[in-house]
Each structure stands twice: as C-alpha cells, then as structure tokens.
Amino acid sequence: MEQFFASGRAVDVVLAVLAAEFVILVWKRWSVTGALLVLLPAALILLGLRAALTEAAWYWIALPLTLAFPVHLADLARRTRR
C-alpha cells in the first residue's frame, strides 16, 4: 500500500474518477465549460500532489497549484453570476 501512494498511483485513480465524473456531468447535459470549471481545480491540485509524491522538481509542484487558483476564481465568478 505504501508503494501505491508513494508512486502516485493513488492520485491516478482519483484523476480517473474525476474524468469519469466529467463524462457523467456532460452526459447529464452540463456544459463542457461548466463541468471543466468545477473539476479542473481539483485535477490540478491532484497533479501537484502527484508531483510531490514522486519527488518532482519544485516547479512541477508549484505550477499546477498556481494554475488551480485562477480556474477556481473563474468557477466562483460563474456561480455568482447565476
């Protein structure tokens, strides 16, 4: 189990679940943009986690975490406009 988490495979499983959730949301008539804005921040944070678990360089950890913030703000802006 330790190797499963240390290798980043656990993050891969969660990313696969997020991808399945995206397909389900679009199938349930969500807009692609709406589904992306909801799920993309989580996916980016998970990519940062995977980079940290696999001991990647600091910028591979910081980049997805940094990108998650403006996407999250865009989702919040979209939700408050409704």
Protein backbone atom coordinates (compact mmCIF):
# COMPACT_ATOMS: atom_id res chain seq x y z
CA MET A 1 0.00 0.00 0.00
CA GLU A 2 2.87 2.35 0.80
CA GLN A 3 4.27 1.90 -2.72
CA PHE A 4 0.81 2.55 -4.21
CA PHE A 5 0.73 6.00 -2.64
CA ALA A 6 4.43 6.81 -2.96
CA SER A 7 4.40 6.06 -6.69
CA GLY A 8 1.49 8.43 -7.30
CA ARG A 9 -0.81 5.64 -8.47
CA ALA A 10 -3.42 6.57 -5.87
CA VAL A 11 -3.60 10.03 -7.44
CA ASP A 12 -4.01 8.41 -10.87
CA VAL A 13 -7.05 6.52 -9.57
CA VAL A 14 -8.63 9.72 -8.25
CA LEU A 15 -7.89 11.50 -11.55
CA ALA A 16 -9.64 8.65 -13.38
CA VAL A 17 -12.66 9.11 -11.12
CA LEU A 18 -12.65 12.85 -11.91
CA ALA A 19 -12.52 12.06 -15.63
CA ALA A 20 -15.49 9.70 -15.24
CA GLU A 21 -17.34 12.39 -13.30
CA PHE A 22 -16.66 14.85 -16.13
CA VAL A 23 -18.16 12.42 -18.67
CA ILE A 24 -21.21 11.88 -16.47
CA LEU A 25 -21.76 15.61 -15.96
CA VAL A 26 -21.57 16.30 -19.70
CA TRP A 27 -23.86 13.34 -20.35
CA LYS A 28 -26.34 14.87 -17.87
CA ARG A 29 -26.36 17.99 -20.06
CA TRP A 30 -23.89 20.15 -18.18
CA SER A 31 -21.93 22.43 -20.45
CA VAL A 32 -18.37 21.31 -21.09
CA THR A 33 -17.15 24.66 -19.77
CA GLY A 34 -19.21 24.35 -16.59
CA ALA A 35 -18.01 20.82 -15.91
CA LEU A 36 -14.39 21.82 -16.54
CA LEU A 37 -14.60 24.82 -14.24
CA VAL A 38 -15.96 22.64 -11.46
CA LEU A 39 -13.49 19.76 -11.82
CA LEU A 40 -10.30 21.32 -13.18
CA PRO A 41 -9.11 22.94 -9.92
CA ALA A 42 -9.29 19.57 -8.17
CA ALA A 43 -7.46 17.87 -11.04
CA LEU A 44 -4.71 20.49 -10.95
CA ILE A 45 -4.29 20.15 -7.19
CA LEU A 46 -4.07 16.39 -7.61
CA LEU A 47 -1.38 16.82 -10.26
CA GLY A 48 0.59 18.92 -7.80
CA LEU A 49 0.15 16.22 -5.17
CA ARG A 50 1.33 13.56 -7.62
CA ALA A 51 4.41 15.63 -8.42
CA ALA A 52 5.16 16.00 -4.72
CA LEU A 53 4.70 12.29 -4.03
CA THR A 54 7.05 11.34 -6.86
CA GLU A 55 9.64 13.91 -5.73
CA ALA A 56 9.44 16.01 -8.88
CA ALA A 57 11.17 19.37 -9.11
CA TRP A 58 9.51 22.16 -7.14
CA TYR A 59 8.18 23.92 -10.23
CA TRP A 60 6.18 20.83 -11.25
CA ILE A 61 4.51 21.03 -7.85
CA ALA A 62 4.00 24.80 -7.88
CA LEU A 63 2.73 25.14 -11.47
CA PRO A 64 -0.50 23.13 -11.20
CA LEU A 65 -1.20 24.54 -7.73
CA THR A 66 -0.79 28.06 -9.09
CA LEU A 67 -3.00 27.35 -12.11
CA ALA A 68 -5.75 25.92 -9.90
CA PHE A 69 -6.38 29.29 -8.24
CA PRO A 70 -7.49 31.34 -11.29
CA VAL A 71 -9.62 28.45 -12.52
CA HIS A 72 -11.28 28.26 -9.12
CA LEU A 73 -11.90 32.01 -9.21
CA ALA A 74 -13.44 31.67 -12.68
CA ASP A 75 -15.78 28.98 -11.35
CA LEU A 76 -16.76 31.18 -8.41
CA ALA A 77 -17.42 34.11 -10.74
CA ARG A 78 -19.58 31.92 -12.97
CA ARG A 79 -21.57 30.68 -9.99
CA THR A 80 -22.19 34.16 -8.56
CA ARG A 81 -23.46 35.44 -11.91
CA ARG A 82 -26.36 32.98 -11.85
